[in-house]
Structures are given as structure tokens and as C-alpha cells.
Amino acid sequence: MDIDKKLEQVSRMFCIEGSYVGHRTIQVGNVNQTYEVQFLLPNGEPKSFLVQNVNTYAFRNPVQLMENIDQVTEYIRKKKPGKVTLHFHHTADRKIYVIDGDNFWRMTNFIPSTVTYSSMVSEQVVRNAGKAFGEFQLELSDFDITKLSETIPGFHNTKLRYEQLAAAIEKDLVGRRKTVQAEIDFLMSVKDSACKLTDMQQKGLLPLRVTHNDTKINNVLFNPDDNSAIVVVDLDTVMPGLV
């Protein structure tokens, strides 16, 4: 099916009314296919939405993933009603996703007049990104963590990552161990420090919180006029974790 026909079909399933105008492919992001779709609403207002085809190979539990995102974004919207937040649209039967054969679709509000950065362009940008992620954590600090699913088990479990590393070193499947021995020695020398937070959590000394888990700088949208942070995006890895 033609991509415009498919995007219009998906949009209608999310109860979008009016005339479909067209789409623009969003190139930022390496996992999901992302499109800006443009409509002319019944009142004559032009409006854009963001439609994504979620990569279900990378995200094996997309329904749980979307349930996590929905709860977190709605919680922030209610807590901070004047704040710019992501808002996911629902189908007629109140789902926030559409399963279409092998495709898993979602739709959110499009936030215009923003920029993203893939690397540091100034200390100001980095500072504002850190502030945005800090505010995200703070807004969710009293969220009931038991409501969220662990959609990628062990995603930031450092002890598990070390076990996987040790197994890979032992197997040395493509014979590269001898070329990285210095790096291996360093990683093994800091193992206790690297695993400390995971150990503390497992002993009940650190609480689980809602965490973003992918706090890279291009997961923040910025105002192009003053580089202030507008909103944290890409919530696919939001789940219980350590701040």
C-alpha cells in the first residue's frame, strides 16, 4: 500500500478527522519509523501529528511498552497541566496503539518549532538537557512504580552485563580478545564499583523509581531561540530503574 494511504488509514484509526494533506519522514532516530502527518481539521485549522511504526524486533513487548508510556505521560499531564508533554492518541476502543499485521503503530501530538542535537554544541545545551531529565525524574518521583512493567529485563543490570561480558570473553568467537586485553583488564578492575548500585538495590538499600533509561541528548527537544529544553521524548525504555 502507498505510504500516504497507509498513514491516513492509521490516522483514521486514531480518530483523526478532517482532510489528509500529506506526510514528512522524520530522519532522527534509529529504531522506529517516524512520520509527521499533516491534516486540515474540520474547522479549517492545519494540524500535524507524529505517527510511528514501532520496531517490535527491538521492543519485544510493545503493548506493555505503550502501557508504561501512557501511564507516565498522563501522570505528568495531570500533575503539570501547563507543561508541554507528549500526548498519545487513542483508538475508538481506547487503545493507544494499532496492530496492523506485522506493524505496530502509535500516534502522538507533534511539537513544532523545535530542534534536536546529536552531540554537544555548548555547555548551555548540555546543562538544559540535564535539567530536563532531572525535572522528568522529579515529576515522577511519587509515581507508584508497581504499575510499570519491566519491558526489557535486565536492561541496566550491571551485574548481568558483566556476566555477559565474561561469557563473551571466554568464547572469543571472532578472536578479538587479544587486541582488547587492556580494555578488558580495566573493566574487570572496576567491576565492584560498577556493580555497586545494582548490589545496593538488590539488598533493599536503593529504591526503584521511574527512569527514562536512554538519557542521550537527542532525546530532548529544544527551543531554537534560546536552547531551553521543551520536553523529554523517546520514552520507549521508561520502566523501573535506578535514578
Foldseek 3Di string as FASTA:
>chain_A
DPPQVVVVVQVVQLVADAAWDAWDWDPPDDFKTKIWTWGQHPVRDIFIKIKIWGRCVVQVCVQLLVQLVQVLQVLLCVVCVVADTKDWGAGPVGGQWDDDPPTIMGMIGDDPQWDFDQDDPDPVLVVLLVVQQVVSQVSFVPPDQVSHDQRPPPLPQLVVVVVVVVVCLVPCPPVCCVVCVVVVVVCVVCSCVSNVVVVCVVVVNADWTFHQSDSGRRQWIARPVPSHTRHGHDSSRTHTDGD
